[in-house]
């Protein structure tokens, strides 16, 4: 086998190897882009879930606060009526 034929054969093998490496690199780039899209979607979903949970917690806190206010007003009102009845009974009524 001549040196030129041998060089041509090696060059062909190198071209095939480069072609295979380029194909593998392209596949890896596509897979990486797919993973990036998947991760962005998952992060967006998690952020939406956290926002939803925060809104639910705020709504529950508001409900508890309103209940405490109304409960306090009701308790205060009954205390006021009781105090009035006590004063009325002391001073004759």
N, C-alpha and C. Protein backbone atom coordinates (compact mmCIF):
# COMPACT_ATOMS: atom_id res chain seq x y z
N UNK A 1 0.86 -1.17 0.00
CA UNK A 1 0.00 0.00 0.00
C UNK A 1 0.90 1.23 0.00
N UNK A 2 0.59 2.16 -0.86
CA UNK A 2 1.44 3.34 -0.98
C UNK A 2 1.13 4.31 0.14
N UNK A 3 2.06 5.22 0.37
CA UNK A 3 1.91 6.21 1.43
C UNK A 3 0.74 7.14 1.17
N UNK A 4 0.51 7.44 -0.12
CA UNK A 4 -0.59 8.33 -0.46
C UNK A 4 -1.94 7.66 -0.22
N UNK A 5 -2.05 6.41 -0.56
CA UNK A 5 -3.29 5.65 -0.35
C UNK A 5 -3.55 5.49 1.15
N UNK A 6 -2.46 5.25 1.88
CA UNK A 6 -2.59 5.10 3.33
C UNK A 6 -3.04 6.42 3.95
N UNK A 7 -2.50 7.55 3.50
CA UNK A 7 -2.89 8.86 4.00
C UNK A 7 -4.35 9.14 3.67
N UNK A 8 -4.78 8.75 2.48
CA UNK A 8 -6.17 8.95 2.06
C UNK A 8 -7.11 8.11 2.92
N UNK A 9 -6.69 6.90 3.25
CA UNK A 9 -7.51 6.03 4.10
C UNK A 9 -7.62 6.62 5.51
N UNK A 10 -6.53 7.11 6.04
CA UNK A 10 -6.55 7.73 7.38
C UNK A 10 -7.41 9.00 7.35
N UNK A 11 -7.29 9.78 6.29
CA UNK A 11 -8.11 10.98 6.17
C UNK A 11 -9.59 10.62 6.12
N UNK A 12 -9.93 9.56 5.42
CA UNK A 12 -11.33 9.10 5.35
C UNK A 12 -11.81 8.66 6.72
N UNK A 13 -10.97 7.95 7.45
CA UNK A 13 -11.35 7.52 8.80
C UNK A 13 -11.54 8.73 9.71
N UNK A 14 -10.66 9.73 9.57
CA UNK A 14 -10.78 10.93 10.39
C UNK A 14 -12.06 11.70 10.04
N UNK A 15 -12.39 11.78 8.75
CA UNK A 15 -13.64 12.45 8.34
C UNK A 15 -14.84 11.72 8.93
N UNK A 16 -14.80 10.40 8.91
CA UNK A 16 -15.91 9.62 9.49
C UNK A 16 -16.01 9.86 10.99
N UNK A 17 -14.85 9.90 11.67
CA UNK A 17 -14.84 10.14 13.10
C UNK A 17 -15.37 11.53 13.43
N UNK A 18 -14.94 12.52 12.64
CA UNK A 18 -15.42 13.90 12.85
C UNK A 18 -16.92 13.97 12.61
N UNK A 19 -17.39 13.29 11.59
CA UNK A 19 -18.82 13.27 11.29
C UNK A 19 -19.61 12.66 12.44
N UNK A 20 -19.10 11.55 12.99
CA UNK A 20 -19.76 10.91 14.13
C UNK A 20 -19.75 11.83 15.35
N UNK A 21 -18.64 12.50 15.59
CA UNK A 21 -18.54 13.42 16.73
C UNK A 21 -19.50 14.60 16.57
N UNK A 22 -19.62 15.11 15.33
CA UNK A 22 -20.54 16.21 15.09
C UNK A 22 -21.99 15.77 15.31
N UNK A 23 -22.30 14.58 14.88
CA UNK A 23 -23.66 14.05 15.09
C UNK A 23 -23.94 13.89 16.58
N UNK A 24 -22.97 13.37 17.32
CA UNK A 24 -23.14 13.20 18.77
C UNK A 24 -23.27 14.55 19.45
N UNK A 25 -22.48 15.53 19.03
CA UNK A 25 -22.56 16.87 19.60
C UNK A 25 -23.94 17.48 19.33
N UNK A 26 -24.44 17.31 18.13
CA UNK A 26 -25.78 17.81 17.81
C UNK A 26 -26.84 17.15 18.67
N UNK A 27 -26.72 15.85 18.87
CA UNK A 27 -27.68 15.13 19.73
C UNK A 27 -27.62 15.65 21.15
N UNK A 28 -26.41 15.86 21.67
CA UNK A 28 -26.26 16.37 23.03
C UNK A 28 -26.81 17.79 23.17
N UNK A 29 -26.62 18.61 22.14
CA UNK A 29 -27.18 19.97 22.17
C UNK A 29 -28.70 19.94 22.21
N UNK A 30 -29.30 19.07 21.40
CA UNK A 30 -30.77 18.94 21.40
C UNK A 30 -31.26 18.45 22.76
N UNK A 31 -30.57 17.48 23.32
CA UNK A 31 -30.98 16.94 24.63
C UNK A 31 -30.85 18.01 25.71
N UNK A 32 -29.77 18.80 25.65
CA UNK A 32 -29.57 19.87 26.62
C UNK A 32 -30.66 20.93 26.50
N UNK A 33 -31.03 21.28 25.28
CA UNK A 33 -32.10 22.26 25.07
C UNK A 33 -33.43 21.71 25.59
N UNK A 34 -33.68 20.44 25.35
CA UNK A 34 -34.91 19.81 25.86
C UNK A 34 -34.93 19.86 27.38
N UNK A 35 -33.82 19.52 28.02
CA UNK A 35 -33.75 19.56 29.48
C UNK A 35 -33.95 20.98 30.01
N UNK A 36 -33.38 21.97 29.32
CA UNK A 36 -33.55 23.36 29.73
C UNK A 36 -35.02 23.77 29.65
N UNK A 37 -35.70 23.38 28.57
CA UNK A 37 -37.13 23.69 28.44
C UNK A 37 -37.93 23.00 29.53
N UNK A 38 -37.61 21.74 29.79
CA UNK A 38 -38.30 20.99 30.84
C UNK A 38 -38.09 21.65 32.20
N UNK A 39 -36.85 22.05 32.49
CA UNK A 39 -36.55 22.69 33.77
C UNK A 39 -37.26 24.04 33.91
N UNK A 40 -37.33 24.81 32.82
CA UNK A 40 -38.05 26.09 32.85
C UNK A 40 -39.54 25.84 33.14
N UNK A 41 -40.10 24.86 32.48
CA UNK A 41 -41.52 24.53 32.69
C UNK A 41 -41.76 24.11 34.14
N UNK A 42 -40.88 23.26 34.65
CA UNK A 42 -41.04 22.78 36.03
C UNK A 42 -40.89 23.92 37.03
N UNK A 43 -39.91 24.80 36.80
CA UNK A 43 -39.73 25.95 37.69
C UNK A 43 -40.94 26.86 37.65
N UNK A 44 -41.48 27.12 36.47
CA UNK A 44 -42.68 27.94 36.36
C UNK A 44 -43.85 27.31 37.12
N UNK A 45 -43.98 25.99 37.02
CA UNK A 45 -45.06 25.29 37.74
C UNK A 45 -44.88 25.41 39.25
N UNK A 46 -43.65 25.24 39.71
CA UNK A 46 -43.38 25.35 41.15
C UNK A 46 -43.63 26.77 41.65
N UNK A 47 -43.21 27.77 40.88
CA UNK A 47 -43.46 29.15 41.28
C UNK A 47 -44.94 29.45 41.34
N UNK A 48 -45.71 28.92 40.40
CA UNK A 48 -47.16 29.12 40.41
C UNK A 48 -47.78 28.45 41.63
N UNK A 49 -47.29 27.27 41.98
CA UNK A 49 -47.82 26.56 43.15
C UNK A 49 -47.51 27.33 44.43
N UNK A 50 -46.31 27.87 44.53
CA UNK A 50 -45.93 28.64 45.72
C UNK A 50 -46.79 29.89 45.83
N UNK A 51 -47.01 30.56 44.70
CA UNK A 51 -47.85 31.76 44.70
C UNK A 51 -49.27 31.41 45.15
N UNK A 52 -49.80 30.28 44.66
CA UNK A 52 -51.14 29.84 45.04
C UNK A 52 -51.21 29.56 46.53
N UNK A 53 -50.18 28.89 47.07
CA UNK A 53 -50.15 28.59 48.51
C UNK A 53 -50.10 29.88 49.32
N UNK A 54 -49.29 30.85 48.88
CA UNK A 54 -49.21 32.12 49.60
C UNK A 54 -50.57 32.82 49.61
N UNK A 55 -51.27 32.80 48.47
CA UNK A 55 -52.59 33.43 48.41
C UNK A 55 -53.57 32.73 49.33
N UNK A 56 -53.50 31.40 49.38
CA UNK A 56 -54.40 30.66 50.27
C UNK A 56 -54.11 30.96 51.73
N UNK A 57 -52.83 31.06 52.08
CA UNK A 57 -52.45 31.36 53.46
C UNK A 57 -52.93 32.77 53.84
N UNK A 58 -52.75 33.72 52.93
CA UNK A 58 -53.22 35.09 53.19
C UNK A 58 -54.73 35.12 53.37
N UNK A 59 -55.45 34.39 52.52
CA UNK A 59 -56.91 34.35 52.63
C UNK A 59 -57.34 33.73 53.96
N UNK A 60 -56.66 32.66 54.36
CA UNK A 60 -56.99 32.02 55.64
C UNK A 60 -56.68 32.96 56.80
N UNK A 61 -55.55 33.67 56.72
CA UNK A 61 -55.19 34.61 57.77
C UNK A 61 -56.21 35.73 57.86
N UNK A 62 -56.64 36.23 56.71
CA UNK A 62 -57.67 37.28 56.71
C UNK A 62 -58.96 36.77 57.34
N UNK A 63 -59.33 35.54 57.02
CA UNK A 63 -60.55 34.97 57.60
C UNK A 63 -60.45 34.84 59.11
N UNK A 64 -59.31 34.40 59.60
CA UNK A 64 -59.12 34.25 61.05
C UNK A 64 -59.17 35.62 61.72
N UNK A 65 -58.53 36.61 61.09
CA UNK A 65 -58.53 37.96 61.66
C UNK A 65 -59.95 38.52 61.73
N UNK A 66 -60.72 38.34 60.66
CA UNK A 66 -62.10 38.82 60.68
C UNK A 66 -62.91 38.11 61.75
N UNK A 67 -62.70 36.80 61.90
CA UNK A 67 -63.42 36.06 62.93
C UNK A 67 -63.07 36.58 64.32
N UNK A 68 -61.79 36.85 64.55
CA UNK A 68 -61.38 37.37 65.87
C UNK A 68 -62.01 38.73 66.15
N UNK A 69 -62.07 39.58 65.12
CA UNK A 69 -62.68 40.90 65.31
C UNK A 69 -64.15 40.75 65.67
N UNK A 70 -64.88 39.96 64.89
CA UNK A 70 -66.31 39.77 65.17
C UNK A 70 -66.54 39.09 66.52
N UNK A 71 -65.68 38.15 66.83
CA UNK A 71 -65.79 37.46 68.12
C UNK A 71 -65.55 38.45 69.26
N UNK A 72 -64.55 39.30 69.09
CA UNK A 72 -64.25 40.30 70.12
C UNK A 72 -65.39 41.29 70.27
N UNK A 73 -65.96 41.71 69.14
CA UNK A 73 -67.10 42.62 69.22
C UNK A 73 -68.30 41.97 69.90
N UNK A 74 -68.53 40.72 69.57
CA UNK A 74 -69.66 40.01 70.19
C UNK A 74 -69.43 39.84 71.68
N UNK A 75 -68.21 39.50 72.07
CA UNK A 75 -67.89 39.34 73.49
C UNK A 75 -68.00 40.68 74.20
N UNK A 76 -67.50 41.72 73.57
CA UNK A 76 -67.60 43.06 74.15
C UNK A 76 -69.02 43.51 74.29
N UNK A 77 -69.83 43.20 73.31
CA UNK A 77 -71.24 43.57 73.36
C UNK A 77 -71.96 42.85 74.48
N UNK A 78 -71.68 41.56 74.66
CA UNK A 78 -72.35 40.82 75.73
C UNK A 78 -71.85 41.30 77.09
N UNK A 79 -70.58 41.69 77.18
CA UNK A 79 -70.06 42.22 78.44
C UNK A 79 -70.75 43.54 78.78
N UNK A 80 -70.95 44.36 77.75
CA UNK A 80 -71.60 45.65 77.95
C UNK A 80 -73.03 45.46 78.44
N UNK A 81 -73.75 44.53 77.86
CA UNK A 81 -75.12 44.26 78.27
C UNK A 81 -75.15 43.73 79.70
N UNK A 82 -74.19 42.86 80.04
CA UNK A 82 -74.12 42.32 81.39
C UNK A 82 -73.82 43.43 82.40
N UNK A 83 -72.90 44.32 82.08
CA UNK A 83 -72.57 45.42 82.98
C UNK A 83 -73.77 46.34 83.16
N UNK A 84 -74.48 46.61 82.08
CA UNK A 84 -75.68 47.45 82.18
C UNK A 84 -76.73 46.80 83.07
N UNK A 85 -76.91 45.49 82.93
CA UNK A 85 -77.91 44.78 83.75
C UNK A 85 -77.49 44.80 85.21
N UNK A 86 -76.20 44.66 85.48
CA UNK A 86 -75.71 44.70 86.86
C UNK A 86 -75.94 46.07 87.48
N UNK A 87 -75.60 47.13 86.77
CA UNK A 87 -75.82 48.49 87.28
C UNK A 87 -77.30 48.76 87.51
N UNK A 88 -78.10 48.27 86.60
CA UNK A 88 -79.53 48.48 86.72
C UNK A 88 -80.09 47.77 87.96
N UNK A 89 -79.54 46.55 88.23
CA UNK A 89 -80.03 45.83 89.40
C UNK A 89 -79.55 46.50 90.70
N UNK A 90 -78.39 47.12 90.70
CA UNK A 90 -77.87 47.79 91.91
C UNK A 90 -78.66 49.08 92.21
N UNK A 91 -78.95 49.78 91.19
CA UNK A 91 -79.61 51.07 91.41
C UNK A 91 -81.13 50.96 91.30
N UNK A 92 -81.56 49.77 91.27
CA UNK A 92 -83.01 49.53 91.27
C UNK A 92 -83.63 49.82 89.91
N UNK A 93 -84.20 48.86 89.42
CA UNK A 93 -84.74 49.12 88.10
C UNK A 93 -85.88 48.28 87.76
